[in-house]
């Protein structure tokens, strides 16, 4: 018997979940996807769907995700972190090369994410990002085709190509009917092997379990890890 449980506050978790046998999580962003609710449910002894507290927290923190995966030899775009406007290092960004992507470190659904093409745009993008998060990632923009690789219990599902009709896969493209073309794609054999290998390495390195979705950019035949979603979207427009 399925019962919808709407969580509007942390108190709701305690008051609304005490009689359920299992929680099918369909939450995004902070609290829902970052390990917090997973820890609460674990404490209450309620089993739940998706990754555990540790991997949820790791994958929500893009800086930690990239740091761990880089140590495992997974290719990912160069990046740097700032926690205030005063920390912006324009010289380091210049050395990395424009354009760059500026986004909240622990954000979701591409909220407050900007593709910045010149130094004059950096301050405003970081300023907007700091309204959503205390850490901002400045990452080298890799131009290419976005793909995503769903994994269930260590088994790779077919690779999906993402073709947003806007400039990039932003919030509108993710949740609006007809805003994005999404379709199964078969990559060239060697590239598909590399993508599949990287997908499973990411899943294992970040200690994911049950299911997750690994996002890549393919640039000139080379895959770059973007991020890992531990609670992939479950709307009719969602990829998984």
Protein backbone atom coordinates (compact mmCIF):
# COMPACT_ATOMS: atom_id res chain seq x y z
CA UNK A 1 0.00 0.00 0.00
CA UNK A 2 1.66 3.22 -1.17
CA UNK A 3 1.22 6.36 0.92
CA UNK A 4 2.49 9.75 -0.31
CA UNK A 5 4.59 11.50 2.35
CA UNK A 6 5.31 15.17 1.65
CA UNK A 7 8.30 16.48 3.57
CA UNK A 8 8.16 20.26 4.16
CA UNK A 9 10.36 20.33 7.26
CA UNK A 10 12.73 18.09 9.17
CA UNK A 11 10.05 17.58 11.81
CA UNK A 12 7.83 15.98 9.14
CA UNK A 13 10.26 13.07 8.86
CA UNK A 14 9.65 12.13 12.49
CA UNK A 15 5.89 12.77 12.54
CA UNK A 16 4.94 11.39 9.10
CA UNK A 17 7.16 8.33 8.75
CA UNK A 18 6.71 6.51 12.05
CA UNK A 19 4.15 4.03 10.66
CA UNK A 20 5.75 3.24 7.28
CA UNK A 21 7.61 0.03 6.47
CA UNK A 22 9.78 1.38 3.66
CA UNK A 23 10.59 4.83 2.24
CA UNK A 24 10.79 5.18 -1.55
CA UNK A 25 12.79 8.41 -1.76
CA UNK A 26 11.90 10.90 -4.48
CA UNK A 27 13.70 13.95 -3.14
CA UNK A 28 16.34 16.29 -4.55
CA UNK A 29 18.91 18.76 -3.28
CA UNK A 30 19.88 19.48 0.30
CA UNK A 31 18.30 17.34 3.01
CA UNK A 32 16.76 14.94 0.46
CA UNK A 33 19.82 13.90 -1.52
CA UNK A 34 22.78 14.80 0.68
CA UNK A 35 22.60 11.98 3.22
CA UNK A 36 20.60 13.88 5.86
CA UNK A 37 17.24 12.14 5.46
CA UNK A 38 19.05 8.85 4.88
CA UNK A 39 20.72 9.25 8.29
CA UNK A 40 17.40 10.14 9.96
CA UNK A 41 15.61 7.13 8.45
CA UNK A 42 18.53 4.89 9.42
CA UNK A 43 18.31 6.19 12.98
CA UNK A 44 14.55 5.50 13.00
CA UNK A 45 15.17 1.98 11.66
CA UNK A 46 13.20 2.59 8.45
CA UNK A 47 14.68 1.03 5.29
CA UNK A 48 14.83 3.34 2.26
CA UNK A 49 15.64 3.28 -1.46
CA UNK A 50 18.90 4.46 -2.99
CA UNK A 51 22.42 5.09 -1.74
CA UNK A 52 23.38 5.22 1.93
CA UNK A 53 24.28 8.26 4.03
CA UNK A 54 28.01 8.29 3.19
CA UNK A 55 27.76 7.99 -0.60
CA UNK A 56 24.81 10.41 -0.72
CA UNK A 57 26.87 13.03 1.14
CA UNK A 58 29.99 12.44 -0.98
CA UNK A 59 28.17 12.68 -4.31
CA UNK A 60 26.26 15.80 -3.29
CA UNK A 61 29.58 17.57 -2.66
CA UNK A 62 30.91 18.08 -6.22
CA UNK A 63 34.38 19.06 -4.98
CA UNK A 64 34.74 15.85 -2.92
CA UNK A 65 33.30 13.77 -5.78
CA UNK A 66 35.87 15.11 -8.24
CA UNK A 67 38.74 14.87 -5.72
CA UNK A 68 38.02 11.19 -4.98
CA UNK A 69 37.48 10.27 -8.63
CA UNK A 70 40.62 12.12 -9.75
CA UNK A 71 42.55 9.99 -7.23
CA UNK A 72 41.02 6.92 -8.93
CA UNK A 73 42.24 8.10 -12.34
CA UNK A 74 38.81 9.21 -13.59
CA UNK A 75 39.04 12.09 -16.08
CA UNK A 76 37.23 15.26 -14.97
CA UNK A 77 37.47 18.93 -15.91
CA UNK A 78 39.94 21.15 -13.96
CA UNK A 79 38.29 23.18 -11.18
CA UNK A 80 38.85 25.45 -8.21
CA UNK A 81 36.75 26.38 -5.19
CA UNK A 82 35.82 29.68 -3.52
CA UNK A 83 33.88 30.38 -0.34
CA UNK A 84 33.62 34.17 -0.70
CA UNK A 85 33.83 36.92 -3.31
CA UNK A 86 37.20 37.93 -1.87
CA UNK A 87 38.61 34.48 -2.66
CA UNK A 88 38.06 34.77 -6.41
CA UNK A 89 41.44 34.21 -8.06
CA UNK A 90 41.09 35.78 -11.50
CA UNK A 91 44.63 34.79 -12.48
CA UNK A 92 43.98 31.11 -11.69
CA UNK A 93 40.73 31.22 -13.70
CA UNK A 94 42.60 32.86 -16.60
CA UNK A 95 45.19 30.07 -16.50
CA UNK A 96 42.41 27.47 -16.51
CA UNK A 97 40.91 29.26 -19.52
CA UNK A 98 37.49 30.69 -20.30
CA UNK A 99 34.69 29.78 -20.61
CA UNK A 100 34.13 28.34 -17.13
CA UNK A 101 31.07 26.92 -15.41
CA UNK A 102 30.26 28.55 -12.06
CA UNK A 103 27.86 26.66 -9.79
CA UNK A 104 27.02 25.91 -6.15
CA UNK A 105 29.18 23.04 -4.88
CA UNK A 106 26.27 21.17 -3.32
CA UNK A 107 23.42 22.36 -5.50
CA UNK A 108 21.07 20.34 -7.64
CA UNK A 109 18.93 20.66 -10.78
CA UNK A 110 21.41 23.21 -12.24
CA UNK A 111 20.09 26.02 -10.01
CA UNK A 112 22.37 29.12 -10.05
CA UNK A 113 24.62 27.51 -12.68
CA UNK A 114 26.27 29.83 -15.21
CA UNK A 115 28.53 29.43 -18.24
CA UNK A 116 30.88 32.41 -17.92
CA UNK A 117 32.86 33.58 -20.95
CA UNK A 118 34.90 36.47 -19.53
CA UNK A 119 36.35 37.82 -16.28
CA UNK A 120 33.78 40.61 -16.00
CA UNK A 121 30.99 38.02 -15.49
CA UNK A 122 32.69 36.02 -12.72
CA UNK A 123 31.83 38.26 -9.73
CA UNK A 124 28.09 38.28 -10.42
CA UNK A 125 27.92 34.51 -11.04
CA UNK A 126 29.79 33.72 -7.80
CA UNK A 127 27.64 36.26 -5.94
CA UNK A 128 24.45 34.56 -7.15
CA UNK A 129 25.82 31.11 -6.31
CA UNK A 130 26.62 32.19 -2.74
CA UNK A 131 22.90 32.86 -2.20
CA UNK A 132 22.40 29.09 -2.55
CA UNK A 133 25.54 27.56 -1.07
CA UNK A 134 28.57 28.42 1.06
CA UNK A 135 31.01 26.96 -1.49
CA UNK A 136 31.17 27.73 -5.21
CA UNK A 137 32.86 25.59 -7.87
CA UNK A 138 34.56 27.27 -10.84
CA UNK A 139 35.12 24.54 -13.43
CA UNK A 140 36.64 24.55 -16.91
CA UNK A 141 33.82 24.41 -19.46
CA UNK A 142 34.14 21.33 -21.65
CA UNK A 143 32.23 21.71 -24.90
CA UNK A 144 30.69 18.47 -26.10
CA UNK A 145 27.73 16.11 -25.98
CA UNK A 146 26.20 15.23 -22.63
CA UNK A 147 25.41 11.60 -21.88
CA UNK A 148 24.18 9.84 -18.77
CA UNK A 149 24.70 6.27 -17.62
CA UNK A 150 22.16 4.72 -15.22
CA UNK A 151 23.42 1.93 -12.93
CA UNK A 152 21.23 -0.50 -10.96
CA UNK A 153 22.86 -2.95 -8.52
CA UNK A 154 26.17 -2.65 -10.35
CA UNK A 155 24.59 -3.32 -13.75
CA UNK A 156 24.88 -0.63 -16.44
CA UNK A 157 21.69 0.33 -18.25
CA UNK A 158 21.80 1.71 -21.83
CA UNK A 159 23.61 5.05 -22.28
CA UNK A 160 21.33 8.04 -22.85
CA UNK A 161 22.17 11.12 -24.91
CA UNK A 162 20.86 14.49 -23.69
CA UNK A 163 20.15 17.18 -26.29
CA UNK A 164 18.67 20.28 -24.62
CA UNK A 165 17.01 22.72 -26.97
CA UNK A 166 18.37 25.63 -24.89
CA UNK A 167 22.09 26.43 -24.42
CA UNK A 168 22.61 23.76 -21.73
CA UNK A 169 20.78 21.20 -19.57
CA UNK A 170 19.41 23.73 -17.05
CA UNK A 171 16.46 23.59 -14.65
CA UNK A 172 13.91 24.36 -17.39
CA UNK A 173 15.39 21.73 -19.72
CA UNK A 174 15.20 19.12 -16.95
CA UNK A 175 11.60 19.61 -15.90
CA UNK A 176 9.69 21.02 -18.89
CA UNK A 177 7.87 18.82 -21.41
CA UNK A 178 9.59 18.88 -24.79
CA UNK A 179 12.52 21.07 -23.65
CA UNK A 180 15.08 18.30 -24.15
CA UNK A 181 15.55 15.37 -26.52
CA UNK A 182 16.66 12.28 -24.61
CA UNK A 183 17.35 9.01 -26.37
CA UNK A 184 19.32 5.77 -26.04
CA UNK A 185 22.62 5.95 -27.89
CA UNK A 186 25.20 3.30 -28.81
CA UNK A 187 28.66 4.87 -28.76
CA UNK A 188 31.59 3.72 -30.90
CA UNK A 189 32.80 0.43 -29.39
CA UNK A 190 36.03 1.59 -27.68
CA UNK A 191 34.38 4.77 -26.38
CA UNK A 192 31.41 2.79 -25.03
CA UNK A 193 33.84 0.44 -23.24
CA UNK A 194 35.64 3.40 -21.65
CA UNK A 195 32.38 5.07 -20.60
CA UNK A 196 31.07 1.82 -19.11
CA UNK A 197 34.35 1.27 -17.25
CA UNK A 198 34.36 4.84 -15.89
CA UNK A 199 30.70 4.53 -14.86
CA UNK A 200 31.29 1.43 -12.75
CA UNK A 201 34.53 2.84 -11.32
CA UNK A 202 32.62 5.97 -10.20
CA UNK A 203 29.86 3.82 -8.68
CA UNK A 204 32.40 1.73 -6.74
CA UNK A 205 34.82 4.53 -5.77
CA UNK A 206 32.04 6.58 -4.17
CA UNK A 207 30.58 3.48 -2.48
CA UNK A 208 27.22 3.84 -4.22
CA UNK A 209 24.58 1.15 -3.79
CA UNK A 210 21.18 0.23 -5.27
CA UNK A 211 21.08 2.79 -8.08
CA UNK A 212 22.65 6.00 -9.36
CA UNK A 213 23.13 7.96 -12.58
CA UNK A 214 26.59 9.00 -13.80
CA UNK A 215 26.78 12.05 -16.09
CA UNK A 216 29.55 12.67 -18.65
CA UNK A 217 30.48 15.15 -21.37
CA UNK A 218 31.99 13.62 -24.52
CA UNK A 219 34.39 16.12 -26.10
CA UNK A 220 36.15 15.12 -29.33
CA UNK A 221 35.71 11.45 -28.45
CA UNK A 222 37.00 11.83 -24.87
CA UNK A 223 34.65 11.32 -21.88
CA UNK A 224 34.84 13.67 -18.86
CA UNK A 225 32.99 12.92 -15.63
CA UNK A 226 30.46 15.63 -14.73
CA UNK A 227 28.75 14.33 -11.59
CA UNK A 228 26.86 11.45 -10.00
CA UNK A 229 23.19 11.57 -9.03
CA UNK A 230 22.42 9.24 -6.11
CA UNK A 231 18.66 9.91 -6.36
CA UNK A 232 17.98 10.29 -10.09
CA UNK A 233 14.80 12.11 -11.04
CA UNK A 234 11.62 10.06 -11.09
CA UNK A 235 9.30 12.37 -13.06
CA UNK A 236 8.02 11.39 -16.52
CA UNK A 237 10.68 13.72 -17.99
CA UNK A 238 13.49 12.09 -16.03
CA UNK A 239 16.34 10.11 -17.55
CA UNK A 240 16.47 6.99 -15.38
